[in-house]
Amino acid sequence: ILQRVNIGDHIAELLYANDGSHLHYALRKVMGGDVCAY
């Protein structure tokens, strides 16, 4: 918490368990609501 990161900095490893393993990638507005990150 409160660590500053730059583009490309390592965040974590996402471990593979099975065909349900995935990253849920979301872009949100601070005041509420989500939009498509693409």
All heavy atoms as atom14 arrays in JSON, in Angstrom:
{
  "sequence": "ILQRVNIGDHIAELLYANDGSHLHYALRKVMGGDVCAY",
  "atom14_mask": [
    [1, 1, 1, 1, 1, 1, 1, 1, 0, 0, 0, 0, 0, 0],
    [1, 1, 1, 1, 1, 1, 1, 1, 0, 0, 0, 0, 0, 0],
    [1, 1, 1, 1, 1, 1, 1, 1, 1, 0, 0, 0, 0, 0],
    [1, 1, 1, 1, 1, 1, 1, 1, 1, 1, 1, 0, 0, 0],
    [1, 1, 1, 1, 1, 1, 1, 0, 0, 0, 0, 0, 0, 0],
    [1, 1, 1, 1, 1, 1, 1, 1, 0, 0, 0, 0, 0, 0],
    [1, 1, 1, 1, 1, 1, 1, 1, 0, 0, 0, 0, 0, 0],
    [1, 1, 1, 1, 0, 0, 0, 0, 0, 0, 0, 0, 0, 0],
    [1, 1, 1, 1, 1, 1, 1, 1, 0, 0, 0, 0, 0, 0],
    [1, 1, 1, 1, 1, 1, 1, 1, 1, 1, 0, 0, 0, 0],
    [1, 1, 1, 1, 1, 1, 1, 1, 0, 0, 0, 0, 0, 0],
    [1, 1, 1, 1, 1, 0, 0, 0, 0, 0, 0, 0, 0, 0],
    [1, 1, 1, 1, 1, 1, 1, 1, 1, 0, 0, 0, 0, 0],
    [1, 1, 1, 1, 1, 1, 1, 1, 0, 0, 0, 0, 0, 0],
    [1, 1, 1, 1, 1, 1, 1, 1, 0, 0, 0, 0, 0, 0],
    [1, 1, 1, 1, 1, 1, 1, 1, 1, 1, 1, 1, 0, 0],
    [1, 1, 1, 1, 1, 0, 0, 0, 0, 0, 0, 0, 0, 0],
    [1, 1, 1, 1, 1, 1, 1, 1, 0, 0, 0, 0, 0, 0],
    [1, 1, 1, 1, 1, 1, 1, 1, 0, 0, 0, 0, 0, 0],
    [1, 1, 1, 1, 0, 0, 0, 0, 0, 0, 0, 0, 0, 0],
    [1, 1, 1, 1, 1, 1, 0, 0, 0, 0, 0, 0, 0, 0],
    [1, 1, 1, 1, 1, 1, 1, 1, 1, 1, 0, 0, 0, 0],
    [1, 1, 1, 1, 1, 1, 1, 1, 0, 0, 0, 0, 0, 0],
    [1, 1, 1, 1, 1, 1, 1, 1, 1, 1, 0, 0, 0, 0],
    [1, 1, 1, 1, 1, 1, 1, 1, 1, 1, 1, 1, 0, 0],
    [1, 1, 1, 1, 1, 0, 0, 0, 0, 0, 0, 0, 0, 0],
    [1, 1, 1, 1, 1, 1, 1, 1, 0, 0, 0, 0, 0, 0],
    [1, 1, 1, 1, 1, 1, 1, 1, 1, 1, 1, 0, 0, 0],
    [1, 1, 1, 1, 1, 1, 1, 1, 1, 0, 0, 0, 0, 0],
    [1, 1, 1, 1, 1, 1, 1, 0, 0, 0, 0, 0, 0, 0],
    [1, 1, 1, 1, 1, 1, 1, 1, 0, 0, 0, 0, 0, 0],
    [1, 1, 1, 1, 0, 0, 0, 0, 0, 0, 0, 0, 0, 0],
    [1, 1, 1, 1, 0, 0, 0, 0, 0, 0, 0, 0, 0, 0],
    [1, 1, 1, 1, 1, 1, 1, 1, 0, 0, 0, 0, 0, 0],
    [1, 1, 1, 1, 1, 1, 1, 0, 0, 0, 0, 0, 0, 0],
    [1, 1, 1, 1, 1, 1, 0, 0, 0, 0, 0, 0, 0, 0],
    [1, 1, 1, 1, 1, 0, 0, 0, 0, 0, 0, 0, 0, 0],
    [1, 1, 1, 1, 1, 1, 1, 1, 1, 1, 1, 1, 0, 0]
  ],
  "atom14_positions": [
    [[0.84, -1.2, 0.0], [0.0, 0.0, 0.0], [0.88, 1.26, 0.0], [1.86, 1.35, 0.73], [-0.93, 0.02, 1.22], [-1.89, -1.18, 1.19], [-1.72, 1.32, 1.29], [-2.89, -1.14, 0.06], [0.0, 0.0, 0.0], [0.0, 0.0, 0.0], [0.0, 0.0, 0.0], [0.0, 0.0, 0.0], [0.0, 0.0, 0.0], [0.0, 0.0, 0.0]],
    [[0.5, 2.21, -0.85], [1.17, 3.5, -1.06], [2.51, 3.38, -1.79], [3.22, 4.38, -1.94], [1.35, 4.27, 0.25], [0.06, 4.78, 0.91], [0.39, 5.58, 2.17], [-0.76, 5.64, -0.05], [0.0, 0.0, 0.0], [0.0, 0.0, 0.0], [0.0, 0.0, 0.0], [0.0, 0.0, 0.0], [0.0, 0.0, 0.0], [0.0, 0.0, 0.0]],
    [[2.82, 2.18, -2.27], [4.01, 2.05, -3.11], [3.73, 2.66, -4.48], [2.67, 2.46, -5.07], [4.38, 0.57, -3.28], [5.59, 0.34, -4.17], [5.94, -1.13, -4.3], [5.65, -1.93, -3.41], [6.56, -1.5, -5.4], [0.0, 0.0, 0.0], [0.0, 0.0, 0.0], [0.0, 0.0, 0.0], [0.0, 0.0, 0.0], [0.0, 0.0, 0.0]],
    [[4.68, 3.42, -4.99], [4.53, 4.01, -6.31], [5.11, 3.07, -7.36], [6.16, 2.46, -7.14], [5.22, 5.37, -6.36], [4.63, 6.35, -5.36], [5.31, 7.69, -5.36], [4.86, 8.52, -4.24], [5.23, 9.75, -4.02], [6.08, 10.34, -4.85], [4.76, 10.42, -2.99], [0.0, 0.0, 0.0], [0.0, 0.0, 0.0], [0.0, 0.0, 0.0]],
    [[4.4, 2.92, -8.45], [4.82, 2.02, -9.51], [4.87, 2.75, -10.84], [4.15, 3.73, -11.06], [3.88, 0.8, -9.62], [4.0, -0.08, -8.39], [2.43, 1.22, -9.84], [0.0, 0.0, 0.0], [0.0, 0.0, 0.0], [0.0, 0.0, 0.0], [0.0, 0.0, 0.0], [0.0, 0.0, 0.0], [0.0, 0.0, 0.0], [0.0, 0.0, 0.0]],
    [[5.72, 2.25, -11.71], [5.83, 2.76, -13.07], [5.34, 1.71, -14.05], [5.19, 0.53, -13.69], [7.28, 3.14, -13.38], [7.73, 4.37, -12.64], [7.09, 5.42, -12.71], [8.82, 4.26, -11.89], [0.0, 0.0, 0.0], [0.0, 0.0, 0.0], [0.0, 0.0, 0.0], [0.0, 0.0, 0.0], [0.0, 0.0, 0.0], [0.0, 0.0, 0.0]],
    [[5.1, 2.12, -15.26], [4.67, 1.18, -16.3], [5.7, 0.07, -16.44], [6.9, 0.33, -16.54], [4.49, 1.92, -17.64], [3.32, 2.89, -17.56], [4.28, 0.93, -18.79], [3.2, 3.84, -18.73], [0.0, 0.0, 0.0], [0.0, 0.0, 0.0], [0.0, 0.0, 0.0], [0.0, 0.0, 0.0], [0.0, 0.0, 0.0], [0.0, 0.0, 0.0]],
    [[5.23, -1.16, -16.39], [6.11, -2.32, -16.55], [6.67, -2.88, -15.26], [7.3, -3.94, -15.27], [0.0, 0.0, 0.0], [0.0, 0.0, 0.0], [0.0, 0.0, 0.0], [0.0, 0.0, 0.0], [0.0, 0.0, 0.0], [0.0, 0.0, 0.0], [0.0, 0.0, 0.0], [0.0, 0.0, 0.0], [0.0, 0.0, 0.0], [0.0, 0.0, 0.0]],
    [[6.44, -2.2, -14.13], [6.93, -2.72, -12.85], [6.21, -4.03, -12.5], [5.01, -4.19, -12.74], [6.7, -1.71, -11.73], [7.72, -0.58, -11.73], [8.65, -0.61, -12.56], [7.58, 0.34, -10.9], [0.0, 0.0, 0.0], [0.0, 0.0, 0.0], [0.0, 0.0, 0.0], [0.0, 0.0, 0.0], [0.0, 0.0, 0.0], [0.0, 0.0, 0.0]],
    [[6.97, -4.93, -11.9], [6.42, -6.23, -11.52], [5.44, -6.06, -10.36], [5.77, -5.46, -9.34], [7.55, -7.18, -11.12], [7.09, -8.56, -10.76], [6.7, -9.48, -11.7], [6.95, -9.17, -9.55], [6.34, -10.6, -11.1], [6.49, -10.43, -9.79], [0.0, 0.0, 0.0], [0.0, 0.0, 0.0], [0.0, 0.0, 0.0], [0.0, 0.0, 0.0]],
    [[4.24, -6.61, -10.52], [3.22, -6.56, -9.48], [3.12, -7.91, -8.76], [3.11, -7.97, -7.53], [1.84, -6.2, -10.06], [1.88, -4.83, -10.77], [0.76, -6.23, -8.98], [2.17, -3.66, -9.86], [0.0, 0.0, 0.0], [0.0, 0.0, 0.0], [0.0, 0.0, 0.0], [0.0, 0.0, 0.0], [0.0, 0.0, 0.0], [0.0, 0.0, 0.0]],
    [[3.03, -8.98, -9.54], [2.83, -10.31, -8.96], [3.01, -11.37, -10.03], [3.05, -11.06, -11.23], [1.44, -10.43, -8.35], [0.0, 0.0, 0.0], [0.0, 0.0, 0.0], [0.0, 0.0, 0.0], [0.0, 0.0, 0.0], [0.0, 0.0, 0.0], [0.0, 0.0, 0.0], [0.0, 0.0, 0.0], [0.0, 0.0, 0.0], [0.0, 0.0, 0.0]],
    [[3.07, -12.62, -9.59], [2.92, -13.76, -10.48], [1.47, -14.21, -10.36], [0.93, -14.31, -9.26], [3.84, -14.91, -10.08], [5.33, -14.6, -10.17], [5.78, -14.39, -11.61], [5.42, -15.21, -12.47], [6.47, -13.39, -11.86], [0.0, 0.0, 0.0], [0.0, 0.0, 0.0], [0.0, 0.0, 0.0], [0.0, 0.0, 0.0], [0.0, 0.0, 0.0]],
    [[0.83, -14.46, -11.5], [-0.49, -15.08, -11.48], [-0.26, -16.57, -11.72], [0.16, -16.97, -12.82], [-1.39, -14.48, -12.56], [-2.74, -15.18, -12.8], [-3.53, -15.32, -11.5], [-3.55, -14.44, -13.86], [0.0, 0.0, 0.0], [0.0, 0.0, 0.0], [0.0, 0.0, 0.0], [0.0, 0.0, 0.0], [0.0, 0.0, 0.0], [0.0, 0.0, 0.0]],
    [[-0.52, -17.38, -10.71], [-0.24, -18.81, -10.79], [-1.31, -19.53, -11.62], [-2.49, -19.19, -11.54], [-0.17, -19.41, -9.38], [0.81, -18.74, -8.41], [0.82, -19.48, -7.08], [2.22, -18.69, -9.0], [0.0, 0.0, 0.0], [0.0, 0.0, 0.0], [0.0, 0.0, 0.0], [0.0, 0.0, 0.0], [0.0, 0.0, 0.0], [0.0, 0.0, 0.0]],
    [[-0.85, -20.52, -12.36], [-1.77, -21.3, -13.18], [-2.23, -22.53, -12.4], [-1.42, -23.3, -11.9], [-1.09, -21.74, -14.48], [-1.98, -22.62, -15.33], [-3.02, -22.07, -16.07], [-1.79, -24.0, -15.38], [-3.85, -22.86, -16.84], [-2.61, -24.81, -16.15], [-3.65, -24.23, -16.87], [-4.47, -25.03, -17.62], [0.0, 0.0, 0.0], [0.0, 0.0, 0.0]],
    [[-3.54, -22.69, -12.3], [-4.11, -23.86, -11.63], [-4.83, -24.76, -12.62], [-4.67, -25.99, -12.6], [-5.07, -23.42, -10.52], [0.0, 0.0, 0.0], [0.0, 0.0, 0.0], [0.0, 0.0, 0.0], [0.0, 0.0, 0.0], [0.0, 0.0, 0.0], [0.0, 0.0, 0.0], [0.0, 0.0, 0.0], [0.0, 0.0, 0.0], [0.0, 0.0, 0.0]],
    [[-5.64, -24.14, -13.48], [-6.47, -24.9, -14.42], [-7.0, -23.94, -15.48], [-6.58, -22.77, -15.52], [-7.61, -25.6, -13.68], [-8.34, -24.66, -12.74], [-8.81, -23.59, -13.14], [-8.43, -25.03, -11.45], [0.0, 0.0, 0.0], [0.0, 0.0, 0.0], [0.0, 0.0, 0.0], [0.0, 0.0, 0.0], [0.0, 0.0, 0.0], [0.0, 0.0, 0.0]],
    [[-7.92, -24.4, -16.31], [-8.39, -23.55, -17.41], [-9.28, -22.4, -16.95], [-9.78, -21.62, -17.76], [-9.1, -24.38, -18.49], [-10.29, -25.16, -17.96], [-10.71, -24.92, -16.79], [-10.83, -26.01, -18.7], [0.0, 0.0, 0.0], [0.0, 0.0, 0.0], [0.0, 0.0, 0.0], [0.0, 0.0, 0.0], [0.0, 0.0, 0.0], [0.0, 0.0, 0.0]],
    [[-9.46, -22.27, -15.63], [-10.19, -21.12, -15.1], [-9.29, -20.0, -14.6], [-9.78, -18.94, -14.18], [0.0, 0.0, 0.0], [0.0, 0.0, 0.0], [0.0, 0.0, 0.0], [0.0, 0.0, 0.0], [0.0, 0.0, 0.0], [0.0, 0.0, 0.0], [0.0, 0.0, 0.0], [0.0, 0.0, 0.0], [0.0, 0.0, 0.0], [0.0, 0.0, 0.0]],
    [[-7.98, -20.21, -14.68], [-7.03, -19.21, -14.18], [-7.02, -17.99, -15.09], [-6.81, -18.12, -16.31], [-5.62, -19.8, -14.1], [-5.6, -20.96, -13.29], [0.0, 0.0, 0.0], [0.0, 0.0, 0.0], [0.0, 0.0, 0.0], [0.0, 0.0, 0.0], [0.0, 0.0, 0.0], [0.0, 0.0, 0.0], [0.0, 0.0, 0.0], [0.0, 0.0, 0.0]],
    [[-7.2, -16.8, -14.52], [-7.24, -15.61, -15.36], [-6.98, -14.34, -14.56], [-7.08, -14.32, -13.33], [-8.58, -15.5, -16.09], [-9.75, -15.22, -15.2], [-10.4, -16.2, -14.48], [-10.41, -14.05, -14.91], [-11.4, -15.66, -13.8], [-11.43, -14.35, -14.03], [0.0, 0.0, 0.0], [0.0, 0.0, 0.0], [0.0, 0.0, 0.0], [0.0, 0.0, 0.0]],
    [[-6.65, -13.29, -15.29], [-6.57, -11.93, -14.74], [-7.85, -11.19, -15.13], [-8.19, -11.1, -16.3], [-5.36, -11.18, -15.3], [-5.28, -9.69, -14.91], [-4.97, -9.53, -13.42], [-4.25, -8.96, -15.76], [0.0, 0.0, 0.0], [0.0, 0.0, 0.0], [0.0, 0.0, 0.0], [0.0, 0.0, 0.0], [0.0, 0.0, 0.0], [0.0, 0.0, 0.0]],
    [[-8.54, -10.67, -14.13], [-9.7, -9.8, -14.37], [-9.17, -8.37, -14.36], [-8.71, -7.87, -13.34], [-10.75, -10.01, -13.28], [-11.97, -9.16, -13.45], [-12.98, -9.46, -14.35], [-12.34, -8.0, -12.83], [-13.92, -8.53, -14.27], [-13.55, -7.63, -13.36], [0.0, 0.0, 0.0], [0.0, 0.0, 0.0], [0.0, 0.0, 0.0], [0.0, 0.0, 0.0]],
    [[-9.22, -7.73, -15.51], [-8.57, -6.44, -15.74], [-9.63, -5.36, -15.87], [-10.43, -5.39, -16.81], [-7.72, -6.55, -17.0], [-6.94, -5.33, -17.41], [-6.3, -4.52, -16.49], [-6.81, -5.02, -18.77], [-5.56, -3.42, -16.89], [-6.06, -3.93, -19.19], [-5.45, -3.13, -18.23], [-4.7, -2.04, -18.64], [0.0, 0.0, 0.0], [0.0, 0.0, 0.0]],
    [[-9.65, -4.42, -14.92], [-10.74, -3.43, -14.89], [-10.2, -2.01, -14.76], [-9.22, -1.76, -14.07], [-11.69, -3.72, -13.74], [0.0, 0.0, 0.0], [0.0, 0.0, 0.0], [0.0, 0.0, 0.0], [0.0, 0.0, 0.0], [0.0, 0.0, 0.0], [0.0, 0.0, 0.0], [0.0, 0.0, 0.0], [0.0, 0.0, 0.0], [0.0, 0.0, 0.0]],
    [[-10.86, -1.09, -15.43], [-10.58, 0.33, -15.33], [-11.78, 1.01, -14.7], [-12.92, 0.84, -15.18], [-10.29, 0.93, -16.71], [-10.04, 2.44, -16.75], [-8.8, 2.83, -15.95], [-9.87, 2.91, -18.22], [0.0, 0.0, 0.0], [0.0, 0.0, 0.0], [0.0, 0.0, 0.0], [0.0, 0.0, 0.0], [0.0, 0.0, 0.0], [0.0, 0.0, 0.0]],
    [[-11.55, 1.76, -13.63], [-12.65, 2.36, -12.89], [-12.46, 3.86, -12.71], [-11.33, 4.34, -12.66], [-12.79, 1.7, -11.51], [-12.92, 0.18, -11.58], [-13.3, -0.41, -10.24], [-13.24, -1.86, -10.26], [-14.16, -2.64, -10.82], [-15.22, -2.1, -11.4], [-14.04, -3.95, -10.8], [0.0, 0.0, 0.0], [0.0, 0.0, 0.0], [0.0, 0.0, 0.0]],
    [[-13.59, 4.55, -12.59], [-13.57, 5.97, -12.24], [-13.59, 6.08, -10.72], [-14.31, 5.34, -10.05], [-14.77, 6.68, -12.85], [-14.77, 6.68, -14.38], [-15.99, 7.38, -14.93], [-15.98, 7.39, -16.46], [-17.16, 8.06, -17.03], [0.0, 0.0, 0.0], [0.0, 0.0, 0.0], [0.0, 0.0, 0.0], [0.0, 0.0, 0.0], [0.0, 0.0, 0.0]],
    [[-12.79, 6.99, -10.19], [-12.7, 7.15, -8.74], [-14.05, 7.47, -8.14], [-14.4, 7.0, -7.05], [-11.66, 8.23, -8.38], [-11.72, 8.58, -6.9], [-10.25, 7.76, -8.76], [0.0, 0.0, 0.0], [0.0, 0.0, 0.0], [0.0, 0.0, 0.0], [0.0, 0.0, 0.0], [0.0, 0.0, 0.0], [0.0, 0.0, 0.0], [0.0, 0.0, 0.0]],
    [[-14.86, 8.26, -8.83], [-16.17, 8.66, -8.32], [-17.24, 7.61, -8.56], [-18.4, 7.82, -8.23], [-16.58, 10.0, -8.93], [-15.65, 11.16, -8.61], [-15.43, 11.41, -6.83], [-17.06, 12.01, -6.39], [0.0, 0.0, 0.0], [0.0, 0.0, 0.0], [0.0, 0.0, 0.0], [0.0, 0.0, 0.0], [0.0, 0.0, 0.0], [0.0, 0.0, 0.0]],
    [[-16.85, 6.48, -9.14], [-17.8, 5.4, -9.34], [-18.0, 5.06, -10.8], [-17.97, 5.94, -11.66], [0.0, 0.0, 0.0], [0.0, 0.0, 0.0], [0.0, 0.0, 0.0], [0.0, 0.0, 0.0], [0.0, 0.0, 0.0], [0.0, 0.0, 0.0], [0.0, 0.0, 0.0], [0.0, 0.0, 0.0], [0.0, 0.0, 0.0], [0.0, 0.0, 0.0]],
    [[-18.22, 3.79, -11.08], [-18.45, 3.34, -12.45], [-17.21, 2.71, -13.07], [-16.08, 3.01, -12.67], [0.0, 0.0, 0.0], [0.0, 0.0, 0.0], [0.0, 0.0, 0.0], [0.0, 0.0, 0.0], [0.0, 0.0, 0.0], [0.0, 0.0, 0.0], [0.0, 0.0, 0.0], [0.0, 0.0, 0.0], [0.0, 0.0, 0.0], [0.0, 0.0, 0.0]],
    [[-17.42, 1.84, -14.02], [-16.33, 1.17, -14.72], [-16.47, 1.38, -16.22], [-17.57, 1.66, -16.72], [-16.31, -0.33, -14.4], [-17.68, -0.98, -14.62], [-18.03, -1.27, -15.78], [-18.4, -1.19, -13.63], [0.0, 0.0, 0.0], [0.0, 0.0, 0.0], [0.0, 0.0, 0.0], [0.0, 0.0, 0.0], [0.0, 0.0, 0.0], [0.0, 0.0, 0.0]],
    [[-15.38, 1.26, -16.93], [-15.36, 1.4, -18.39], [-14.47, 0.3, -18.95], [-13.75, -0.37, -18.21], [-14.85, 2.79, -18.84], [-15.8, 3.89, -18.39], [-13.46, 3.05, -18.31], [0.0, 0.0, 0.0], [0.0, 0.0, 0.0], [0.0, 0.0, 0.0], [0.0, 0.0, 0.0], [0.0, 0.0, 0.0], [0.0, 0.0, 0.0], [0.0, 0.0, 0.0]],
    [[-14.5, 0.13, -20.24], [-13.71, -0.91, -20.89], [-12.25, -0.46, -21.02], [-11.97, 0.56, -21.67], [-14.29, -1.22, -22.27], [-13.42, -2.57, -23.11], [0.0, 0.0, 0.0], [0.0, 0.0, 0.0], [0.0, 0.0, 0.0], [0.0, 0.0, 0.0], [0.0, 0.0, 0.0], [0.0, 0.0, 0.0], [0.0, 0.0, 0.0], [0.0, 0.0, 0.0]],
    [[-11.34, -1.21, -20.42], [-9.92, -0.85, -20.42], [-9.33, -0.81, -21.83], [-8.42, -0.01, -22.1], [-9.13, -1.84, -19.56], [0.0, 0.0, 0.0], [0.0, 0.0, 0.0], [0.0, 0.0, 0.0], [0.0, 0.0, 0.0], [0.0, 0.0, 0.0], [0.0, 0.0, 0.0], [0.0, 0.0, 0.0], [0.0, 0.0, 0.0], [0.0, 0.0, 0.0]],
    [[-9.85, -1.62, -22.73], [-9.33, -1.65, -24.1], [-9.44, -0.29, -24.77], [-8.52, 0.15, -25.48], [-10.09, -2.7, -24.92], [-9.71, -2.76, -26.38], [-8.59, -3.48, -26.8], [-10.46, -2.1, -27.35], [-8.24, -3.55, -28.14], [-10.12, -2.15, -28.69], [-9.0, -2.88, -29.08], [-8.66, -2.93, -30.41], [0.0, 0.0, 0.0], [0.0, 0.0, 0.0]]
  ]
}
